């Protein structure tokens, strides 16, 4: 792990449709500069997140699940489009379920 500090940007997720943990699939769009990182939490105030799993990882950047969120690091050398898919499981208002989150990454 490098000694560089991560700089989270709340503006990296351009379209953040809420998921409901009701076996639904939502799509988010991320806009990120080459070499930058996006740190994004997934929990809404009324949800409990039990597990976040990577269904399919990115092909250009790096992805790490961090608690109930994720960190995406964009490539600095050859920026381009990317995508990844996460499976989120937990409880929404006492009802257990899952959601699939598909994230499309676009360079700034």
N, C-alpha and C. Protein backbone atom coordinates (compact mmCIF):
# COMPACT_ATOMS: atom_id res chain seq x y z
N UNK A 1 0.84 -1.17 0.00
CA UNK A 1 0.00 0.00 0.00
C UNK A 1 0.89 1.23 0.00
N UNK A 2 0.56 2.21 -0.81
CA UNK A 2 1.38 3.41 -0.92
C UNK A 2 1.10 4.36 0.24
N UNK A 3 1.99 5.28 0.44
CA UNK A 3 1.83 6.25 1.50
C UNK A 3 1.03 7.47 1.06
N UNK A 4 0.50 7.47 -0.15
CA UNK A 4 -0.26 8.60 -0.65
C UNK A 4 -1.65 8.62 -0.03
N UNK A 5 -2.12 9.80 0.28
CA UNK A 5 -3.46 9.94 0.84
C UNK A 5 -4.50 9.84 -0.27
N UNK A 6 -5.60 9.19 0.03
CA UNK A 6 -6.70 9.09 -0.93
C UNK A 6 -7.52 10.37 -0.85
N UNK A 7 -7.90 10.87 -1.99
CA UNK A 7 -8.72 12.07 -2.04
C UNK A 7 -10.09 11.68 -2.57
N UNK A 8 -11.05 11.58 -1.69
CA UNK A 8 -12.41 11.19 -2.08
C UNK A 8 -13.13 12.40 -2.65
N UNK A 9 -13.88 12.16 -3.68
CA UNK A 9 -14.66 13.22 -4.28
C UNK A 9 -16.12 12.81 -4.30
N UNK A 10 -16.97 13.56 -3.60
CA UNK A 10 -18.39 13.21 -3.63
C UNK A 10 -19.00 13.42 -5.01
N UNK A 11 -18.26 14.06 -5.89
CA UNK A 11 -18.77 14.34 -7.23
C UNK A 11 -18.39 13.28 -8.25
N UNK A 12 -17.69 12.22 -7.85
CA UNK A 12 -17.26 11.23 -8.83
C UNK A 12 -18.44 10.38 -9.33
N UNK A 13 -19.47 10.19 -8.52
CA UNK A 13 -20.66 9.45 -8.97
C UNK A 13 -21.64 10.47 -9.51
N UNK A 14 -21.86 10.44 -10.81
CA UNK A 14 -22.72 11.44 -11.45
C UNK A 14 -24.19 11.06 -11.37
N UNK A 15 -24.50 9.79 -11.50
CA UNK A 15 -25.88 9.32 -11.41
C UNK A 15 -25.91 8.24 -10.34
N UNK A 16 -26.59 8.52 -9.25
CA UNK A 16 -26.61 7.61 -8.10
C UNK A 16 -28.06 7.25 -7.78
N UNK A 17 -28.62 6.32 -8.52
CA UNK A 17 -29.97 5.85 -8.30
C UNK A 17 -29.99 4.97 -7.05
N UNK A 18 -30.90 5.22 -6.11
CA UNK A 18 -30.96 4.39 -4.91
C UNK A 18 -31.31 2.93 -5.24
N UNK A 19 -30.72 2.02 -4.50
CA UNK A 19 -31.09 0.62 -4.61
C UNK A 19 -31.96 0.27 -3.41
N UNK A 20 -32.71 -0.83 -3.48
CA UNK A 20 -33.69 -1.14 -2.44
C UNK A 20 -33.45 -2.46 -1.74
N UNK A 21 -32.39 -3.19 -2.09
CA UNK A 21 -32.15 -4.54 -1.54
C UNK A 21 -33.37 -5.43 -1.75
N UNK A 22 -33.98 -5.29 -2.92
CA UNK A 22 -35.18 -6.07 -3.27
C UNK A 22 -34.93 -6.89 -4.53
N UNK A 23 -33.70 -7.43 -4.65
CA UNK A 23 -33.27 -8.19 -5.82
C UNK A 23 -33.34 -7.32 -7.08
N UNK A 24 -33.08 -6.03 -6.90
CA UNK A 24 -33.10 -5.07 -7.99
C UNK A 24 -31.70 -4.87 -8.55
N UNK A 25 -31.64 -4.27 -9.72
CA UNK A 25 -30.38 -3.90 -10.36
C UNK A 25 -30.43 -2.41 -10.65
N UNK A 26 -29.40 -1.68 -10.20
CA UNK A 26 -29.31 -0.25 -10.49
C UNK A 26 -27.99 0.03 -11.20
N UNK A 27 -27.97 1.12 -11.93
CA UNK A 27 -26.78 1.52 -12.67
C UNK A 27 -26.34 2.90 -12.23
N UNK A 28 -25.06 3.02 -11.91
CA UNK A 28 -24.47 4.31 -11.55
C UNK A 28 -23.45 4.67 -12.61
N UNK A 29 -23.23 5.98 -12.79
CA UNK A 29 -22.22 6.49 -13.70
C UNK A 29 -21.19 7.27 -12.90
N UNK A 30 -19.93 6.94 -13.11
CA UNK A 30 -18.82 7.60 -12.43
C UNK A 30 -18.00 8.37 -13.46
N UNK A 31 -17.58 9.57 -13.08
CA UNK A 31 -16.68 10.36 -13.91
C UNK A 31 -15.44 10.63 -13.07
N UNK A 32 -14.27 10.23 -13.59
CA UNK A 32 -13.06 10.29 -12.77
C UNK A 32 -11.86 10.66 -13.66
N UNK A 33 -10.96 11.46 -13.09
CA UNK A 33 -9.75 11.87 -13.81
C UNK A 33 -8.74 10.73 -13.80
N UNK A 34 -7.89 10.65 -14.81
CA UNK A 34 -6.83 9.64 -14.84
C UNK A 34 -5.97 9.72 -13.58
N UNK A 35 -5.72 8.57 -12.95
CA UNK A 35 -4.89 8.51 -11.76
C UNK A 35 -5.61 8.87 -10.47
N UNK A 36 -6.88 9.26 -10.54
CA UNK A 36 -7.63 9.66 -9.35
C UNK A 36 -8.33 8.47 -8.71
N UNK A 37 -8.84 8.68 -7.50
CA UNK A 37 -9.59 7.65 -6.78
C UNK A 37 -10.99 8.16 -6.46
N UNK A 38 -11.92 7.24 -6.42
CA UNK A 38 -13.28 7.53 -6.00
C UNK A 38 -13.61 6.59 -4.84
N UNK A 39 -13.96 7.16 -3.71
CA UNK A 39 -14.37 6.37 -2.55
C UNK A 39 -15.86 6.63 -2.34
N UNK A 40 -16.65 5.56 -2.33
CA UNK A 40 -18.09 5.72 -2.27
C UNK A 40 -18.71 4.75 -1.27
N UNK A 41 -19.47 5.27 -0.33
CA UNK A 41 -20.23 4.45 0.60
C UNK A 41 -21.51 3.98 -0.06
N UNK A 42 -22.04 2.87 0.39
CA UNK A 42 -23.24 2.31 -0.22
C UNK A 42 -24.47 2.32 0.70
N UNK A 43 -24.27 2.58 1.98
CA UNK A 43 -25.38 2.47 2.92
C UNK A 43 -26.24 3.73 2.92
N UNK A 44 -27.54 3.54 2.82
CA UNK A 44 -28.50 4.63 3.02
C UNK A 44 -28.85 4.63 4.50
N UNK A 45 -29.39 5.68 5.01
CA UNK A 45 -29.61 5.83 6.45
C UNK A 45 -30.49 4.75 7.06
N UNK A 46 -31.37 4.17 6.31
CA UNK A 46 -32.31 3.18 6.84
C UNK A 46 -31.91 1.74 6.52
N UNK A 47 -30.75 1.52 5.94
CA UNK A 47 -30.31 0.18 5.54
C UNK A 47 -29.17 -0.31 6.40
N UNK A 48 -29.09 -1.64 6.49
CA UNK A 48 -27.93 -2.31 7.05
C UNK A 48 -27.28 -3.09 5.92
N UNK A 49 -26.01 -2.87 5.69
CA UNK A 49 -25.28 -3.61 4.66
C UNK A 49 -24.48 -4.69 5.37
N UNK A 50 -24.71 -5.94 4.98
CA UNK A 50 -24.00 -7.07 5.59
C UNK A 50 -22.76 -7.45 4.79
N UNK A 51 -22.86 -7.38 3.45
CA UNK A 51 -21.76 -7.83 2.61
C UNK A 51 -21.80 -7.12 1.26
N UNK A 52 -20.61 -6.78 0.76
CA UNK A 52 -20.45 -6.24 -0.59
C UNK A 52 -19.46 -7.15 -1.30
N UNK A 53 -19.88 -7.73 -2.42
CA UNK A 53 -19.04 -8.66 -3.18
C UNK A 53 -18.84 -8.14 -4.59
N UNK A 54 -17.67 -8.42 -5.15
CA UNK A 54 -17.39 -8.05 -6.54
C UNK A 54 -17.87 -9.18 -7.43
N UNK A 55 -18.83 -8.89 -8.30
CA UNK A 55 -19.34 -9.85 -9.28
C UNK A 55 -18.42 -9.88 -10.49
N UNK A 56 -18.11 -8.70 -11.02
CA UNK A 56 -17.13 -8.59 -12.10
C UNK A 56 -16.32 -7.32 -11.87
N UNK A 57 -15.02 -7.47 -11.89
CA UNK A 57 -14.12 -6.36 -11.61
C UNK A 57 -13.84 -5.52 -12.83
N UNK A 58 -13.22 -4.37 -12.63
CA UNK A 58 -12.87 -3.49 -13.74
C UNK A 58 -11.73 -4.08 -14.56
N UNK A 59 -11.64 -3.66 -15.80
CA UNK A 59 -10.56 -4.14 -16.67
C UNK A 59 -9.42 -3.12 -16.77
N UNK A 60 -9.67 -1.86 -16.43
CA UNK A 60 -8.65 -0.82 -16.56
C UNK A 60 -8.15 -0.31 -15.22
N UNK A 61 -9.03 -0.10 -14.27
CA UNK A 61 -8.65 0.44 -12.97
C UNK A 61 -8.58 -0.65 -11.92
N UNK A 62 -8.46 -0.23 -10.68
CA UNK A 62 -8.43 -1.17 -9.56
C UNK A 62 -9.60 -0.88 -8.64
N UNK A 63 -10.18 -1.95 -8.09
CA UNK A 63 -11.35 -1.85 -7.23
C UNK A 63 -11.09 -2.58 -5.94
N UNK A 64 -11.46 -1.95 -4.82
CA UNK A 64 -11.35 -2.59 -3.51
C UNK A 64 -12.65 -2.35 -2.76
N UNK A 65 -13.19 -3.41 -2.15
CA UNK A 65 -14.34 -3.27 -1.27
C UNK A 65 -13.79 -2.81 0.08
N UNK A 66 -14.37 -1.74 0.61
CA UNK A 66 -13.94 -1.18 1.88
C UNK A 66 -15.17 -1.04 2.77
N UNK A 67 -15.34 -1.97 3.71
CA UNK A 67 -16.52 -1.95 4.58
C UNK A 67 -17.79 -2.03 3.76
N UNK A 68 -18.67 -1.06 3.95
CA UNK A 68 -19.92 -1.04 3.18
C UNK A 68 -19.82 -0.03 2.03
N UNK A 69 -18.67 -0.03 1.38
CA UNK A 69 -18.44 0.85 0.25
C UNK A 69 -17.34 0.31 -0.64
N UNK A 70 -16.85 1.15 -1.54
CA UNK A 70 -15.78 0.72 -2.43
C UNK A 70 -14.85 1.88 -2.73
N UNK A 71 -13.65 1.51 -3.20
CA UNK A 71 -12.66 2.47 -3.68
C UNK A 71 -12.26 2.04 -5.08
N UNK A 72 -12.43 2.94 -6.03
CA UNK A 72 -12.01 2.68 -7.41
C UNK A 72 -10.85 3.62 -7.72
N UNK A 73 -9.77 3.07 -8.27
CA UNK A 73 -8.60 3.85 -8.67
C UNK A 73 -8.46 3.76 -10.18
N UNK A 74 -8.53 4.90 -10.84
CA UNK A 74 -8.42 4.95 -12.29
C UNK A 74 -6.96 4.85 -12.73
N UNK A 75 -6.72 4.22 -13.86
CA UNK A 75 -5.38 4.15 -14.42
C UNK A 75 -4.90 5.54 -14.80
N UNK A 76 -3.65 5.80 -14.56
CA UNK A 76 -3.08 7.10 -14.93
C UNK A 76 -2.51 7.08 -16.34
N UNK A 77 -2.01 5.91 -16.75
CA UNK A 77 -1.28 5.80 -18.01
C UNK A 77 -2.18 5.79 -19.25
N UNK A 78 -3.21 5.00 -19.25
CA UNK A 78 -4.06 4.84 -20.43
C UNK A 78 -5.53 4.97 -20.03
N UNK A 79 -5.98 6.20 -19.76
CA UNK A 79 -7.36 6.38 -19.31
C UNK A 79 -8.36 5.94 -20.37
N UNK A 80 -9.46 5.46 -19.91
CA UNK A 80 -10.52 5.03 -20.81
C UNK A 80 -11.73 4.59 -20.02
N UNK A 81 -12.75 4.15 -20.71
CA UNK A 81 -13.97 3.67 -20.06
C UNK A 81 -13.70 2.38 -19.33
N UNK A 82 -14.50 2.12 -18.31
CA UNK A 82 -14.37 0.92 -17.51
C UNK A 82 -15.74 0.59 -16.94
N UNK A 83 -15.86 -0.55 -16.31
CA UNK A 83 -17.11 -0.90 -15.64
C UNK A 83 -16.83 -2.01 -14.64
N UNK A 84 -17.69 -2.09 -13.65
CA UNK A 84 -17.63 -3.18 -12.67
C UNK A 84 -19.00 -3.38 -12.06
N UNK A 85 -19.20 -4.54 -11.46
CA UNK A 85 -20.49 -4.90 -10.88
C UNK A 85 -20.29 -5.41 -9.46
N UNK A 86 -21.13 -4.92 -8.55
CA UNK A 86 -21.09 -5.33 -7.15
C UNK A 86 -22.42 -5.96 -6.76
N UNK A 87 -22.38 -6.90 -5.82
CA UNK A 87 -23.58 -7.48 -5.23
C UNK A 87 -23.62 -7.02 -3.78
N UNK A 88 -24.70 -6.38 -3.39
CA UNK A 88 -24.85 -5.84 -2.05
C UNK A 88 -25.94 -6.63 -1.34
N UNK A 89 -25.64 -7.13 -0.14
CA UNK A 89 -26.67 -7.84 0.63
C UNK A 89 -26.82 -7.18 1.99
N UNK A 90 -28.05 -7.18 2.48
CA UNK A 90 -28.32 -6.56 3.77
C UNK A 90 -29.79 -6.55 4.07
N UNK A 91 -30.20 -5.57 4.89
CA UNK A 91 -31.61 -5.41 5.27
C UNK A 91 -32.05 -3.99 4.95
N UNK A 92 -33.23 -3.89 4.39
CA UNK A 92 -33.86 -2.61 4.14
C UNK A 92 -35.15 -2.58 4.95
N UNK A 93 -35.17 -1.80 6.00
CA UNK A 93 -36.35 -1.72 6.88
C UNK A 93 -36.78 -3.09 7.37
N UNK A 94 -35.82 -3.84 7.86
CA UNK A 94 -36.00 -5.17 8.47
C UNK A 94 -36.27 -6.29 7.48
N UNK A 95 -36.25 -6.03 6.17
CA UNK A 95 -36.44 -7.06 5.15
C UNK A 95 -35.10 -7.35 4.48
N UNK A 96 -34.64 -8.60 4.57
CA UNK A 96 -33.36 -8.98 3.98
C UNK A 96 -33.48 -9.10 2.47
N UNK A 97 -32.38 -8.75 1.76
CA UNK A 97 -32.38 -8.87 0.31
C UNK A 97 -31.04 -8.51 -0.27
N UNK A 98 -31.00 -8.45 -1.60
CA UNK A 98 -29.78 -8.10 -2.32
C UNK A 98 -30.09 -7.09 -3.42
N UNK A 99 -29.06 -6.40 -3.85
CA UNK A 99 -29.14 -5.52 -5.01
C UNK A 99 -27.86 -5.70 -5.82
N UNK A 100 -27.98 -5.59 -7.11
CA UNK A 100 -26.84 -5.60 -8.01
C UNK A 100 -26.57 -4.16 -8.44
N UNK A 101 -25.34 -3.73 -8.30
CA UNK A 101 -24.95 -2.38 -8.68
C UNK A 101 -23.96 -2.45 -9.83
N UNK A 102 -24.35 -1.91 -10.97
CA UNK A 102 -23.48 -1.85 -12.15
C UNK A 102 -22.96 -0.42 -12.27
N UNK A 103 -21.64 -0.27 -12.27
CA UNK A 103 -21.03 1.06 -12.31
C UNK A 103 -20.29 1.23 -13.63
N UNK A 104 -20.65 2.25 -14.39
CA UNK A 104 -19.97 2.61 -15.63
C UNK A 104 -19.01 3.75 -15.31
N UNK A 105 -17.75 3.60 -15.69
CA UNK A 105 -16.72 4.57 -15.39
C UNK A 105 -16.33 5.29 -16.68
N UNK A 106 -16.38 6.61 -16.64
CA UNK A 106 -15.99 7.44 -17.79
C UNK A 106 -14.87 8.37 -17.36
N UNK A 107 -13.84 8.53 -18.20
CA UNK A 107 -12.75 9.45 -17.86
C UNK A 107 -13.21 10.90 -17.95
N UNK A 108 -12.64 11.75 -17.11
CA UNK A 108 -12.95 13.19 -17.15
C UNK A 108 -12.11 13.85 -18.20
